[in-house]
């Protein structure tokens, strides 16, 4: 995985929650326009949050997303968040 992809993927939660500064959000957008892998990751994250009702999770499990992202990074492999969620509920 390219270094820029790692940086963008770390910013995806804030980007999807409209919590990035305008300049950084535009940088992420530009990268997503050119990188199909990161774009797919963003779409999977967005779909997962929609399925899980993000507001409810933020209230009840504020560290859930960070825990998932840390696990992915620790294992050193790209696990789509949606598939990780499916593993947790089955």
PDB file of N, CA and C in Angstrom:
ATOM      1  N   UNK A   1       0.856  -1.187   0.000  1.00  0.00           N
ATOM      2  CA  UNK A   1       0.000   0.000   0.000  1.00  0.00           C
ATOM      3  C   UNK A   1       0.896   1.244   0.000  1.00  0.00           C
ATOM      4  N   UNK A   2       0.528   2.186  -0.815  1.00  0.00           N
ATOM      5  CA  UNK A   2       1.311   3.415  -0.898  1.00  0.00           C
ATOM      6  C   UNK A   2       1.150   4.241   0.377  1.00  0.00           C
ATOM      7  N   UNK A   3       2.175   5.013   0.679  1.00  0.00           N
ATOM      8  CA  UNK A   3       2.175   5.854   1.879  1.00  0.00           C
ATOM      9  C   UNK A   3       1.002   6.832   1.876  1.00  0.00           C
ATOM     10  N   UNK A   4       0.732   7.422   0.702  1.00  0.00           N
ATOM     11  CA  UNK A   4      -0.369   8.388   0.623  1.00  0.00           C
ATOM     12  C   UNK A   4      -1.705   7.698   0.909  1.00  0.00           C
ATOM     13  N   UNK A   5      -1.843   6.456   0.481  1.00  0.00           N
ATOM     14  CA  UNK A   5      -3.078   5.707   0.754  1.00  0.00           C
ATOM     15  C   UNK A   5      -3.264   5.501   2.261  1.00  0.00           C
ATOM     16  N   UNK A   6      -2.190   5.180   2.954  1.00  0.00           N
ATOM     17  CA  UNK A   6      -2.283   4.995   4.400  1.00  0.00           C
ATOM     18  C   UNK A   6      -2.740   6.282   5.079  1.00  0.00           C
ATOM     19  N   UNK A   7      -2.181   7.401   4.644  1.00  0.00           N
ATOM     20  CA  UNK A   7      -2.568   8.687   5.232  1.00  0.00           C
ATOM     21  C   UNK A   7      -4.028   9.001   4.958  1.00  0.00           C
ATOM     22  N   UNK A   8      -4.468   8.759   3.737  1.00  0.00           N
ATOM     23  CA  UNK A   8      -5.857   9.041   3.372  1.00  0.00           C
ATOM     24  C   UNK A   8      -6.807   8.133   4.149  1.00  0.00           C
ATOM     25  N   UNK A   9      -6.481   6.875   4.259  1.00  0.00           N
ATOM     26  CA  UNK A   9      -7.374   5.948   4.958  1.00  0.00           C
ATOM     27  C   UNK A   9      -7.522   6.291   6.440  1.00  0.00           C
ATOM     28  N   UNK A  10      -6.478   6.838   7.028  1.00  0.00           N
ATOM     29  CA  UNK A  10      -6.588   7.276   8.418  1.00  0.00           C
ATOM     30  C   UNK A  10      -7.520   8.475   8.554  1.00  0.00           C
ATOM     31  N   UNK A  11      -7.628   9.255   7.481  1.00  0.00           N
ATOM     32  CA  UNK A  11      -8.486  10.440   7.509  1.00  0.00           C
ATOM     33  C   UNK A  11      -9.923  10.153   7.087  1.00  0.00           C
ATOM     34  N   UNK A  12     -10.208   8.962   6.583  1.00  0.00           N
ATOM     35  CA  UNK A  12     -11.545   8.670   6.067  1.00  0.00           C
ATOM     36  C   UNK A  12     -12.668   8.882   7.082  1.00  0.00           C
ATOM     37  N   UNK A  13     -12.528   8.419   8.332  1.00  0.00           N
ATOM     38  CA  UNK A  13     -13.630   8.656   9.279  1.00  0.00           C
ATOM     39  C   UNK A  13     -13.958  10.140   9.444  1.00  0.00           C
ATOM     40  N   UNK A  14     -12.924  10.962   9.610  1.00  0.00           N
ATOM     41  CA  UNK A  14     -13.152  12.412   9.749  1.00  0.00           C
ATOM     42  C   UNK A  14     -13.692  12.998   8.454  1.00  0.00           C
ATOM     43  N   UNK A  15     -13.202  12.524   7.328  1.00  0.00           N
ATOM     44  CA  UNK A  15     -13.678  13.007   6.031  1.00  0.00           C
ATOM     45  C   UNK A  15     -15.163  12.697   5.846  1.00  0.00           C
ATOM     46  N   UNK A  16     -15.551  11.481   6.139  1.00  0.00           N
ATOM     47  CA  UNK A  16     -16.944  11.081   5.957  1.00  0.00           C
ATOM     48  C   UNK A  16     -17.881  11.743   6.958  1.00  0.00           C
ATOM     49  N   UNK A  17     -17.329  12.217   8.073  1.00  0.00           N
ATOM     50  CA  UNK A  17     -18.124  12.929   9.079  1.00  0.00           C
ATOM     51  C   UNK A  17     -18.029  14.439   8.913  1.00  0.00           C
ATOM     52  N   UNK A  18     -17.427  14.884   7.803  1.00  0.00           N
ATOM     53  CA  UNK A  18     -17.283  16.316   7.519  1.00  0.00           C
ATOM     54  C   UNK A  18     -16.545  17.039   8.653  1.00  0.00           C
ATOM     55  N   UNK A  19     -15.496  16.400   9.172  1.00  0.00           N
ATOM     56  CA  UNK A  19     -14.742  16.971  10.272  1.00  0.00           C
ATOM     57  C   UNK A  19     -13.335  17.406   9.871  1.00  0.00           C
ATOM     58  N   UNK A  20     -13.026  17.333   8.578  1.00  0.00           N
ATOM     59  CA  UNK A  20     -11.711  17.769   8.112  1.00  0.00           C
ATOM     60  C   UNK A  20     -11.761  19.221   7.668  1.00  0.00           C
ATOM     61  N   UNK A  21     -10.627  19.886   7.776  1.00  0.00           N
ATOM     62  CA  UNK A  21     -10.517  21.235   7.236  1.00  0.00           C
ATOM     63  C   UNK A  21     -10.749  21.147   5.732  1.00  0.00           C
ATOM     64  N   UNK A  22     -11.210  22.237   5.140  1.00  0.00           N
ATOM     65  CA  UNK A  22     -11.547  22.253   3.717  1.00  0.00           C
ATOM     66  C   UNK A  22     -10.372  21.793   2.856  1.00  0.00           C
ATOM     67  N   UNK A  23      -9.180  22.295   3.151  1.00  0.00           N
ATOM     68  CA  UNK A  23      -7.999  21.944   2.350  1.00  0.00           C
ATOM     69  C   UNK A  23      -7.715  20.442   2.423  1.00  0.00           C
ATOM     70  N   UNK A  24      -7.767  19.869   3.626  1.00  0.00           N
ATOM     71  CA  UNK A  24      -7.497  18.440   3.780  1.00  0.00           C
ATOM     72  C   UNK A  24      -8.610  17.593   3.158  1.00  0.00           C
ATOM     73  N   UNK A  25      -9.839  18.054   3.267  1.00  0.00           N
ATOM     74  CA  UNK A  25     -10.958  17.334   2.661  1.00  0.00           C
ATOM     75  C   UNK A  25     -10.810  17.294   1.141  1.00  0.00           C
ATOM     76  N   UNK A  26     -10.361  18.403   0.551  1.00  0.00           N
ATOM     77  CA  UNK A  26     -10.151  18.440  -0.900  1.00  0.00           C
ATOM     78  C   UNK A  26      -9.025  17.495  -1.310  1.00  0.00           C
ATOM     79  N   UNK A  27      -7.978  17.416  -0.488  1.00  0.00           N
ATOM     80  CA  UNK A  27      -6.881  16.492  -0.776  1.00  0.00           C
ATOM     81  C   UNK A  27      -7.378  15.052  -0.757  1.00  0.00           C
ATOM     82  N   UNK A  28      -8.204  14.714   0.227  1.00  0.00           N
ATOM     83  CA  UNK A  28      -8.761  13.359   0.305  1.00  0.00           C
ATOM     84  C   UNK A  28      -9.653  13.109  -0.907  1.00  0.00           C
ATOM     85  N   UNK A  29     -10.505  14.060  -1.241  1.00  0.00           N
ATOM     86  CA  UNK A  29     -11.383  13.926  -2.408  1.00  0.00           C
ATOM     87  C   UNK A  29     -10.587  13.686  -3.680  1.00  0.00           C
ATOM     88  N   UNK A  30      -9.533  14.462  -3.874  1.00  0.00           N
ATOM     89  CA  UNK A  30      -8.704  14.303  -5.070  1.00  0.00           C
ATOM     90  C   UNK A  30      -8.067  12.917  -5.116  1.00  0.00           C
ATOM     91  N   UNK A  31      -7.614  12.438  -3.968  1.00  0.00           N
ATOM     92  CA  UNK A  31      -7.019  11.107  -3.927  1.00  0.00           C
ATOM     93  C   UNK A  31      -8.063  10.045  -4.250  1.00  0.00           C
ATOM     94  N   UNK A  32      -9.257  10.187  -3.685  1.00  0.00           N
ATOM     95  CA  UNK A  32     -10.312   9.209  -3.949  1.00  0.00           C
ATOM     96  C   UNK A  32     -10.711   9.195  -5.424  1.00  0.00           C
ATOM     97  N   UNK A  33     -10.574  10.326  -6.080  1.00  0.00           N
ATOM     98  CA  UNK A  33     -10.881  10.395  -7.514  1.00  0.00           C
ATOM     99  C   UNK A  33      -9.874   9.618  -8.354  1.00  0.00           C
ATOM    100  N   UNK A  34      -8.668   9.438  -7.825  1.00  0.00           N
ATOM    101  CA  UNK A  34      -7.612   8.786  -8.610  1.00  0.00           C
ATOM    102  C   UNK A  34      -7.246   7.389  -8.106  1.00  0.00           C
ATOM    103  N   UNK A  35      -7.680   7.023  -6.923  1.00  0.00           N
ATOM    104  CA  UNK A  35      -7.298   5.730  -6.331  1.00  0.00           C
ATOM    105  C   UNK A  35      -8.547   4.884  -6.096  1.00  0.00           C
ATOM    106  N   UNK A  36      -8.715   3.871  -6.904  1.00  0.00           N
ATOM    107  CA  UNK A  36      -9.917   3.040  -6.795  1.00  0.00           C
ATOM    108  C   UNK A  36      -9.952   2.231  -5.493  1.00  0.00           C
ATOM    109  N   UNK A  37      -8.794   1.846  -4.977  1.00  0.00           N
ATOM    110  CA  UNK A  37      -8.773   1.068  -3.728  1.00  0.00           C
ATOM    111  C   UNK A  37      -9.245   1.901  -2.538  1.00  0.00           C
ATOM    112  N   UNK A  38      -8.743   3.127  -2.443  1.00  0.00           N
ATOM    113  CA  UNK A  38      -9.159   3.991  -1.335  1.00  0.00           C
ATOM    114  C   UNK A  38     -10.614   4.419  -1.500  1.00  0.00           C
ATOM    115  N   UNK A  39     -11.026   4.633  -2.731  1.00  0.00           N
ATOM    116  CA  UNK A  39     -12.423   4.987  -2.986  1.00  0.00           C
ATOM    117  C   UNK A  39     -13.337   3.852  -2.537  1.00  0.00           C
ATOM    118  N   UNK A  40     -12.944   2.636  -2.832  1.00  0.00           N
ATOM    119  CA  UNK A  40     -13.724   1.465  -2.399  1.00  0.00           C
ATOM    120  C   UNK A  40     -13.777   1.377  -0.874  1.00  0.00           C
ATOM    121  N   UNK A  41     -12.643   1.631  -0.238  1.00  0.00           N
ATOM    122  CA  UNK A  41     -12.586   1.612   1.232  1.00  0.00           C
ATOM    123  C   UNK A  41     -13.538   2.653   1.820  1.00  0.00           C
ATOM    124  N   UNK A  42     -13.555   3.848   1.237  1.00  0.00           N
ATOM    125  CA  UNK A  42     -14.450   4.907   1.707  1.00  0.00           C
ATOM    126  C   UNK A  42     -15.911   4.499   1.524  1.00  0.00           C
ATOM    127  N   UNK A  43     -16.221   3.901   0.386  1.00  0.00           N
ATOM    128  CA  UNK A  43     -17.596   3.466   0.136  1.00  0.00           C
ATOM    129  C   UNK A  43     -18.014   2.372   1.108  1.00  0.00           C
ATOM    130  N   UNK A  44     -17.109   1.428   1.383  1.00  0.00           N
ATOM    131  CA  UNK A  44     -17.414   0.360   2.336  1.00  0.00           C
ATOM    132  C   UNK A  44     -17.629   0.913   3.743  1.00  0.00           C
ATOM    133  N   UNK A  45     -16.802   1.863   4.124  1.00  0.00           N
ATOM    134  CA  UNK A  45     -16.947   2.480   5.440  1.00  0.00           C
ATOM    135  C   UNK A  45     -18.281   3.211   5.536  1.00  0.00           C
ATOM    136  N   UNK A  46     -18.611   3.973   4.497  1.00  0.00           N
ATOM    137  CA  UNK A  46     -19.883   4.703   4.470  1.00  0.00           C
ATOM    138  C   UNK A  46     -21.075   3.740   4.542  1.00  0.00           C
ATOM    139  N   UNK A  47     -21.023   2.667   3.773  1.00  0.00           N
ATOM    140  CA  UNK A  47     -22.103   1.675   3.788  1.00  0.00           C
ATOM    141  C   UNK A  47     -22.229   1.009   5.159  1.00  0.00           C
ATOM    142  N   UNK A  48     -21.089   0.680   5.739  1.00  0.00           N
ATOM    143  CA  UNK A  48     -21.100   0.044   7.060  1.00  0.00           C
ATOM    144  C   UNK A  48     -21.725   0.960   8.097  1.00  0.00           C
ATOM    145  N   UNK A  49     -21.323   2.233   8.086  1.00  0.00           N
ATOM    146  CA  UNK A  49     -21.898   3.175   9.044  1.00  0.00           C
ATOM    147  C   UNK A  49     -23.396   3.322   8.839  1.00  0.00           C
ATOM    148  N   UNK A  50     -23.819   3.356   7.583  1.00  0.00           N
ATOM    149  CA  UNK A  50     -25.252   3.462   7.313  1.00  0.00           C
ATOM    150  C   UNK A  50     -25.993   2.249   7.839  1.00  0.00           C
ATOM    151  N   UNK A  51     -25.409   1.072   7.679  1.00  0.00           N
ATOM    152  CA  UNK A  51     -26.042  -0.143   8.172  1.00  0.00           C
ATOM    153  C   UNK A  51     -26.114  -0.175   9.700  1.00  0.00           C
ATOM    154  N   UNK A  52     -25.095   0.347  10.319  1.00  0.00           N
ATOM    155  CA  UNK A  52     -24.990   0.265  11.773  1.00  0.00           C
ATOM    156  C   UNK A  52     -25.649   1.427  12.506  1.00  0.00           C
ATOM    157  N   UNK A  53     -26.181   2.383  11.767  1.00  0.00           N
ATOM    158  CA  UNK A  53     -26.749   3.593  12.374  1.00  0.00           C
ATOM    159  C   UNK A  53     -25.667   4.280  13.198  1.00  0.00           C
ATOM    160  N   UNK A  54     -24.805   4.970  12.494  1.00  0.00           N
ATOM    161  CA  UNK A  54     -23.595   5.587  13.059  1.00  0.00           C
ATOM    162  C   UNK A  54     -23.856   6.389  14.339  1.00  0.00           C
ATOM    163  N   UNK A  55     -24.950   7.138  14.405  1.00  0.00           N
ATOM    164  CA  UNK A  55     -25.202   7.954  15.594  1.00  0.00           C
ATOM    165  C   UNK A  55     -25.373   7.084  16.835  1.00  0.00           C
ATOM    166  N   UNK A  56     -26.060   5.972  16.691  1.00  0.00           N
ATOM    167  CA  UNK A  56     -26.279   5.064  17.816  1.00  0.00           C
ATOM    168  C   UNK A  56     -24.943   4.472  18.274  1.00  0.00           C
ATOM    169  N   UNK A  57     -24.100   4.093  17.342  1.00  0.00           N
ATOM    170  CA  UNK A  57     -22.799   3.529  17.694  1.00  0.00           C
ATOM    171  C   UNK A  57     -21.937   4.572  18.381  1.00  0.00           C
ATOM    172  N   UNK A  58     -21.930   5.786  17.875  1.00  0.00           N
ATOM    173  CA  UNK A  58     -21.122   6.840  18.486  1.00  0.00           C
ATOM    174  C   UNK A  58     -21.525   7.068  19.939  1.00  0.00           C
ATOM    175  N   UNK A  59     -22.815   6.957  20.232  1.00  0.00           N
ATOM    176  CA  UNK A  59     -23.288   7.159  21.608  1.00  0.00           C
ATOM    177  C   UNK A  59     -22.936   5.978  22.503  1.00  0.00           C
ATOM    178  N   UNK A  60     -23.194   4.764  22.013  1.00  0.00           N
ATOM    179  CA  UNK A  60     -23.032   3.574  22.841  1.00  0.00           C
ATOM    180  C   UNK A  60     -21.614   2.994  22.836  1.00  0.00           C
ATOM    181  N   UNK A  61     -20.905   3.148  21.718  1.00  0.00           N
ATOM    182  CA  UNK A  61     -19.575   2.556  21.569  1.00  0.00           C
ATOM    183  C   UNK A  61     -18.630   3.566  20.923  1.00  0.00           C
ATOM    184  N   UNK A  62     -18.247   4.599  21.638  1.00  0.00           N
ATOM    185  CA  UNK A  62     -17.459   5.674  21.026  1.00  0.00           C
ATOM    186  C   UNK A  62     -16.105   5.222  20.478  1.00  0.00           C
ATOM    187  N   UNK A  63     -15.553   4.147  20.969  1.00  0.00           N
ATOM    188  CA  UNK A  63     -14.233   3.707  20.521  1.00  0.00           C
ATOM    189  C   UNK A  63     -14.283   2.541  19.541  1.00  0.00           C
ATOM    190  N   UNK A  64     -15.476   2.150  19.087  1.00  0.00           N
ATOM    191  CA  UNK A  64     -15.604   0.992  18.217  1.00  0.00           C
ATOM    192  C   UNK A  64     -14.826   1.158  16.921  1.00  0.00           C
ATOM    193  N   UNK A  65     -15.049   2.244  16.213  1.00  0.00           N
ATOM    194  CA  UNK A  65     -14.377   2.439  14.937  1.00  0.00           C
ATOM    195  C   UNK A  65     -12.870   2.497  15.119  1.00  0.00           C
ATOM    196  N   UNK A  66     -12.399   3.221  16.120  1.00  0.00           N
ATOM    197  CA  UNK A  66     -10.949   3.289  16.352  1.00  0.00           C
ATOM    198  C   UNK A  66     -10.379   1.908  16.644  1.00  0.00           C
ATOM    199  N   UNK A  67     -11.114   1.103  17.382  1.00  0.00           N
ATOM    200  CA  UNK A  67     -10.663  -0.254  17.679  1.00  0.00           C
ATOM    201  C   UNK A  67     -10.554  -1.107  16.431  1.00  0.00           C
ATOM    202  N   UNK A  68     -11.522  -0.980  15.546  1.00  0.00           N
ATOM    203  CA  UNK A  68     -11.489  -1.733  14.291  1.00  0.00           C
ATOM    204  C   UNK A  68     -10.305  -1.288  13.441  1.00  0.00           C
ATOM    205  N   UNK A  69     -10.122   0.021  13.318  1.00  0.00           N
ATOM    206  CA  UNK A  69      -9.014   0.530  12.505  1.00  0.00           C
ATOM    207  C   UNK A  69      -7.664   0.123  13.088  1.00  0.00           C
ATOM    208  N   UNK A  70      -7.536   0.137  14.404  1.00  0.00           N
ATOM    209  CA  UNK A  70      -6.289  -0.283  15.039  1.00  0.00           C
ATOM    210  C   UNK A  70      -6.013  -1.756  14.773  1.00  0.00           C
ATOM    211  N   UNK A  71      -7.071  -2.567  14.828  1.00  0.00           N
ATOM    212  CA  UNK A  71      -6.894  -4.001  14.571  1.00  0.00           C
ATOM    213  C   UNK A  71      -6.421  -4.232  13.141  1.00  0.00           C
ATOM    214  N   UNK A  72      -7.008  -3.521  12.200  1.00  0.00           N
ATOM    215  CA  UNK A  72      -6.606  -3.656  10.803  1.00  0.00           C
ATOM    216  C   UNK A  72      -5.136  -3.283  10.645  1.00  0.00           C
ATOM    217  N   UNK A  73      -4.743  -2.186  11.240  1.00  0.00           N
ATOM    218  CA  UNK A  73      -3.354  -1.737  11.139  1.00  0.00           C
ATOM    219  C   UNK A  73      -2.404  -2.728  11.802  1.00  0.00           C
ATOM    220  N   UNK A  74      -2.783  -3.244  12.982  1.00  0.00           N
ATOM    221  CA  UNK A  74      -1.934  -4.201  13.697  1.00  0.00           C
ATOM    222  C   UNK A  74      -1.703  -5.461  12.882  1.00  0.00           C
ATOM    223  N   UNK A  75      -2.741  -5.948  12.240  1.00  0.00           N
ATOM    224  CA  UNK A  75      -2.613  -7.194  11.499  1.00  0.00           C
ATOM    225  C   UNK A  75      -1.860  -7.011  10.199  1.00  0.00           C
ATOM    226  N   UNK A  76      -1.664  -5.753   9.805  1.00  0.00           N
ATOM    227  CA  UNK A  76      -0.862  -5.488   8.631  1.00  0.00           C
ATOM    228  C   UNK A  76      -1.486  -5.922   7.325  1.00  0.00           C
ATOM    229  N   UNK A  77      -2.807  -6.059   7.310  1.00  0.00           N
ATOM    230  CA  UNK A  77      -3.472  -6.420   6.075  1.00  0.00           C
ATOM    231  C   UNK A  77      -4.715  -5.577   5.901  1.00  0.00           C
ATOM    232  N   UNK A  78      -5.175  -5.483   4.702  1.00  0.00           N
ATOM    233  CA  UNK A  78      -6.349  -4.668   4.393  1.00  0.00           C
ATOM    234  C   UNK A  78      -7.596  -5.544   4.534  1.00  0.00           C
ATOM    235  N   UNK A  79      -8.342  -5.330   5.614  1.00  0.00           N
ATOM    236  CA  UNK A  79      -9.587  -6.047   5.829  1.00  0.00           C
ATOM    237  C   UNK A  79     -10.716  -5.048   5.637  1.00  0.00           C
ATOM    238  N   UNK A  80     -11.561  -5.226   4.619  1.00  0.00           N
ATOM    239  CA  UNK A  80     -12.678  -4.285   4.455  1.00  0.00           C
ATOM    240  C   UNK A  80     -13.521  -4.245   5.726  1.00  0.00           C
ATOM    241  N   UNK A  81     -13.869  -3.052   6.161  1.00  0.00           N
ATOM    242  CA  UNK A  81     -14.608  -2.887   7.410  1.00  0.00           C
ATOM    243  C   UNK A  81     -15.932  -3.643   7.389  1.00  0.00           C
ATOM    244  N   UNK A  82     -16.574  -3.673   6.252  1.00  0.00           N
ATOM    245  CA  UNK A  82     -17.852  -4.376   6.180  1.00  0.00           C
ATOM    246  C   UNK A  82     -17.670  -5.847   6.498  1.00  0.00           C
ATOM    247  N   UNK A  83     -16.622  -6.473   5.942  1.00  0.00           N
ATOM    248  CA  UNK A  83     -16.368  -7.888   6.201  1.00  0.00           C
ATOM    249  C   UNK A  83     -15.992  -8.120   7.658  1.00  0.00           C
ATOM    250  N   UNK A  84     -15.261  -7.202   8.242  1.00  0.00           N
ATOM    251  CA  UNK A  84     -14.911  -7.300   9.655  1.00  0.00           C
ATOM    252  C   UNK A  84     -16.167  -7.247  10.511  1.00  0.00           C
ATOM    253  N   UNK A  85     -17.096  -6.377  10.151  1.00  0.00           N
ATOM    254  CA  UNK A  85     -18.349  -6.299  10.871  1.00  0.00           C
ATOM    255  C   UNK A  85     -19.122  -7.608  10.766  1.00  0.00           C
ATOM    256  N   UNK A  86     -19.169  -8.187   9.585  1.00  0.00           N
ATOM    257  CA  UNK A  86     -19.880  -9.452   9.384  1.00  0.00           C
ATOM    258  C   UNK A  86     -19.272 -10.541  10.250  1.00  0.00           C
ATOM    259  N   UNK A  87     -17.953 -10.583  10.371  1.00  0.00           N
ATOM    260  CA  UNK A  87     -17.299 -11.549  11.239  1.00  0.00           C
ATOM    261  C   UNK A  87     -17.738 -11.381  12.691  1.00  0.00           C
ATOM    262  N   UNK A  88     -17.881 -10.112  13.135  1.00  0.00           N
ATOM    263  CA  UNK A  88     -18.237  -9.849  14.531  1.00  0.00           C
ATOM    264  C   UNK A  88     -19.663 -10.317  14.864  1.00  0.00           C
ATOM    265  N   UNK A  89     -20.578 -10.209  13.896  1.00  0.00           N
ATOM    266  CA  UNK A  89     -21.971 -10.533  14.200  1.00  0.00           C
ATOM    267  C   UNK A  89     -22.322 -11.976  13.906  1.00  0.00           C
ATOM    268  N   UNK A  90     -21.430 -12.716  13.242  1.00  0.00           N
ATOM    269  CA  UNK A  90     -21.734 -14.113  12.955  1.00  0.00           C
ATOM    270  C   UNK A  90     -20.998 -15.011  13.885  1.00  0.00           C
TER     271      UNK A  90
END
